[in-house]
Amino acid sequence: MGNDLSPIRHPAPISGGKVDAARAAYITVARQRYTKSTYDIEIDDDPSVGITENGGWVAAWLWVSQEEAGLCEEEAASCCEA
């Protein structure tokens, strides 16, 4: 998995309609690979996309329960019922 942490910017070779095409391609791949995983990952209809020289960052939502976050104890499960 690429972890390109360079500043998010549109490289010079991609401009205008090419940015829109690249953005759509990143969103499509993200949806295909990650929303069908065993984890609860959602991508908005029009997510933010940061394009870098080597790829793109697509904004997504990841579900974390209170229990997974260690905010509930088994004996005090009432905190998870809200």
C-alpha atoms as a PDB file:
ATOM      1  CA  MET A   1       0.000   0.000   0.000  1.00  0.00           C
ATOM      2  CA  GLY A   2       1.478   3.355  -1.009  1.00  0.00           C
ATOM      3  CA  ASN A   3       1.870   5.926   1.695  1.00  0.00           C
ATOM      4  CA  ASP A   4       2.873   8.940  -0.350  1.00  0.00           C
ATOM      5  CA  LEU A   5       2.839  11.716   2.237  1.00  0.00           C
ATOM      6  CA  SER A   6       4.119  14.392  -0.110  1.00  0.00           C
ATOM      7  CA  PRO A   7       2.094  17.605  -0.182  1.00  0.00           C
ATOM      8  CA  ILE A   8      -1.228  17.133  -1.928  1.00  0.00           C
ATOM      9  CA  ARG A   9      -1.183  19.008  -5.200  1.00  0.00           C
ATOM     10  CA  HIS A  10      -2.058  18.591  -8.839  1.00  0.00           C
ATOM     11  CA  PRO A  11       1.137  17.801 -10.734  1.00  0.00           C
ATOM     12  CA  ALA A  12       1.755  19.916 -13.817  1.00  0.00           C
ATOM     13  CA  PRO A  13       0.997  17.178 -16.411  1.00  0.00           C
ATOM     14  CA  ILE A  14      -2.580  16.759 -15.141  1.00  0.00           C
ATOM     15  CA  SER A  15      -4.892  19.688 -15.758  1.00  0.00           C
ATOM     16  CA  GLY A  16      -8.458  20.514 -16.708  1.00  0.00           C
ATOM     17  CA  GLY A  17     -10.489  17.486 -17.778  1.00  0.00           C
ATOM     18  CA  LYS A  18      -7.577  15.173 -16.997  1.00  0.00           C
ATOM     19  CA  VAL A  19      -7.897  16.066 -13.305  1.00  0.00           C
ATOM     20  CA  ASP A  20     -11.585  15.121 -13.415  1.00  0.00           C
ATOM     21  CA  ALA A  21     -10.764  11.824 -15.143  1.00  0.00           C
ATOM     22  CA  ALA A  22      -7.989  11.015 -12.664  1.00  0.00           C
ATOM     23  CA  ARG A  23     -10.235  11.928  -9.733  1.00  0.00           C
ATOM     24  CA  ALA A  24     -13.004   9.651 -11.055  1.00  0.00           C
ATOM     25  CA  ALA A  25     -10.519   6.799 -11.552  1.00  0.00           C
ATOM     26  CA  TYR A  26      -9.233   7.068  -7.966  1.00  0.00           C
ATOM     27  CA  ILE A  27     -12.788   7.113  -6.596  1.00  0.00           C
ATOM     28  CA  THR A  28     -13.788   4.083  -8.695  1.00  0.00           C
ATOM     29  CA  VAL A  29     -10.820   2.008  -7.539  1.00  0.00           C
ATOM     30  CA  ALA A  30     -11.328   3.024  -3.907  1.00  0.00           C
ATOM     31  CA  ARG A  31     -14.986   1.961  -4.038  1.00  0.00           C
ATOM     32  CA  GLN A  32     -14.191  -1.347  -5.755  1.00  0.00           C
ATOM     33  CA  ARG A  33     -11.389  -2.301  -3.370  1.00  0.00           C
ATOM     34  CA  TYR A  34     -12.428  -0.934  -0.028  1.00  0.00           C
ATOM     35  CA  THR A  35     -16.217  -0.667   0.280  1.00  0.00           C
ATOM     36  CA  LYS A  36     -16.580  -4.402  -0.370  1.00  0.00           C
ATOM     37  CA  SER A  37     -14.035  -5.368   2.276  1.00  0.00           C
ATOM     38  CA  THR A  38     -14.811  -7.055   5.578  1.00  0.00           C
ATOM     39  CA  TYR A  39     -14.534  -3.662   7.273  1.00  0.00           C
ATOM     40  CA  ASP A  40     -17.329  -1.083   7.311  1.00  0.00           C
ATOM     41  CA  ILE A  41     -15.857   1.544   4.978  1.00  0.00           C
ATOM     42  CA  GLU A  42     -18.018   4.117   3.192  1.00  0.00           C
ATOM     43  CA  ILE A  43     -17.154   6.686   0.547  1.00  0.00           C
ATOM     44  CA  ASP A  44     -19.384   9.720   0.023  1.00  0.00           C
ATOM     45  CA  ASP A  45     -21.051  10.366  -3.338  1.00  0.00           C
ATOM     46  CA  ASP A  46     -18.606  13.215  -4.030  1.00  0.00           C
ATOM     47  CA  PRO A  47     -15.548  12.571  -1.829  1.00  0.00           C
ATOM     48  CA  SER A  48     -12.517  14.789  -1.480  1.00  0.00           C
ATOM     49  CA  VAL A  49      -9.601  13.518  -3.558  1.00  0.00           C
ATOM     50  CA  GLY A  50      -6.029  14.693  -3.128  1.00  0.00           C
ATOM     51  CA  ILE A  51      -3.951  13.974  -6.218  1.00  0.00           C
ATOM     52  CA  THR A  52      -0.195  13.549  -5.836  1.00  0.00           C
ATOM     53  CA  GLU A  53       2.520  12.715  -8.334  1.00  0.00           C
ATOM     54  CA  ASN A  54       2.243   8.995  -7.529  1.00  0.00           C
ATOM     55  CA  GLY A  55      -1.445   8.473  -6.801  1.00  0.00           C
ATOM     56  CA  GLY A  56      -4.404   9.909  -4.998  1.00  0.00           C
ATOM     57  CA  TRP A  57      -5.944  10.068  -1.537  1.00  0.00           C
ATOM     58  CA  VAL A  58      -9.710   9.385  -1.468  1.00  0.00           C
ATOM     59  CA  ALA A  59     -11.607  10.463   1.648  1.00  0.00           C
ATOM     60  CA  ALA A  60     -13.529   7.625   3.305  1.00  0.00           C
ATOM     61  CA  TRP A  61     -15.455   6.920   6.484  1.00  0.00           C
ATOM     62  CA  LEU A  62     -14.351   4.064   8.743  1.00  0.00           C
ATOM     63  CA  TRP A  63     -16.734   2.725  11.407  1.00  0.00           C
ATOM     64  CA  VAL A  64     -15.266   2.154  14.882  1.00  0.00           C
ATOM     65  CA  SER A  65     -17.617   0.962  17.617  1.00  0.00           C
ATOM     66  CA  GLN A  66     -17.374   2.149  21.220  1.00  0.00           C
ATOM     67  CA  GLU A  67     -16.414  -1.389  22.199  1.00  0.00           C
ATOM     68  CA  GLU A  68     -13.542  -1.517  19.680  1.00  0.00           C
ATOM     69  CA  ALA A  69     -12.328   1.852  20.942  1.00  0.00           C
ATOM     70  CA  GLY A  70     -12.246   0.489  24.483  1.00  0.00           C
ATOM     71  CA  LEU A  71     -14.960   2.840  25.680  1.00  0.00           C
ATOM     72  CA  CYS A  72     -17.248   0.087  27.022  1.00  0.00           C
ATOM     73  CA  GLU A  73     -16.580  -2.626  29.504  1.00  0.00           C
ATOM     74  CA  GLU A  74     -18.510  -5.884  29.226  1.00  0.00           C
ATOM     75  CA  GLU A  75     -20.087  -5.359  32.671  1.00  0.00           C
ATOM     76  CA  ALA A  76     -21.172  -1.793  31.761  1.00  0.00           C
ATOM     77  CA  ALA A  77     -22.558  -2.432  28.283  1.00  0.00           C
ATOM     78  CA  SER A  78     -25.211   0.281  28.824  1.00  0.00           C
ATOM     79  CA  CYS A  79     -22.748   2.908  27.545  1.00  0.00           C
ATOM     80  CA  CYS A  80     -22.980   1.245  24.124  1.00  0.00           C
ATOM     81  CA  GLU A  81     -26.789   1.364  23.962  1.00  0.00           C
ATOM     82  CA  ALA A  82     -27.133   5.056  23.025  1.00  0.00           C
END
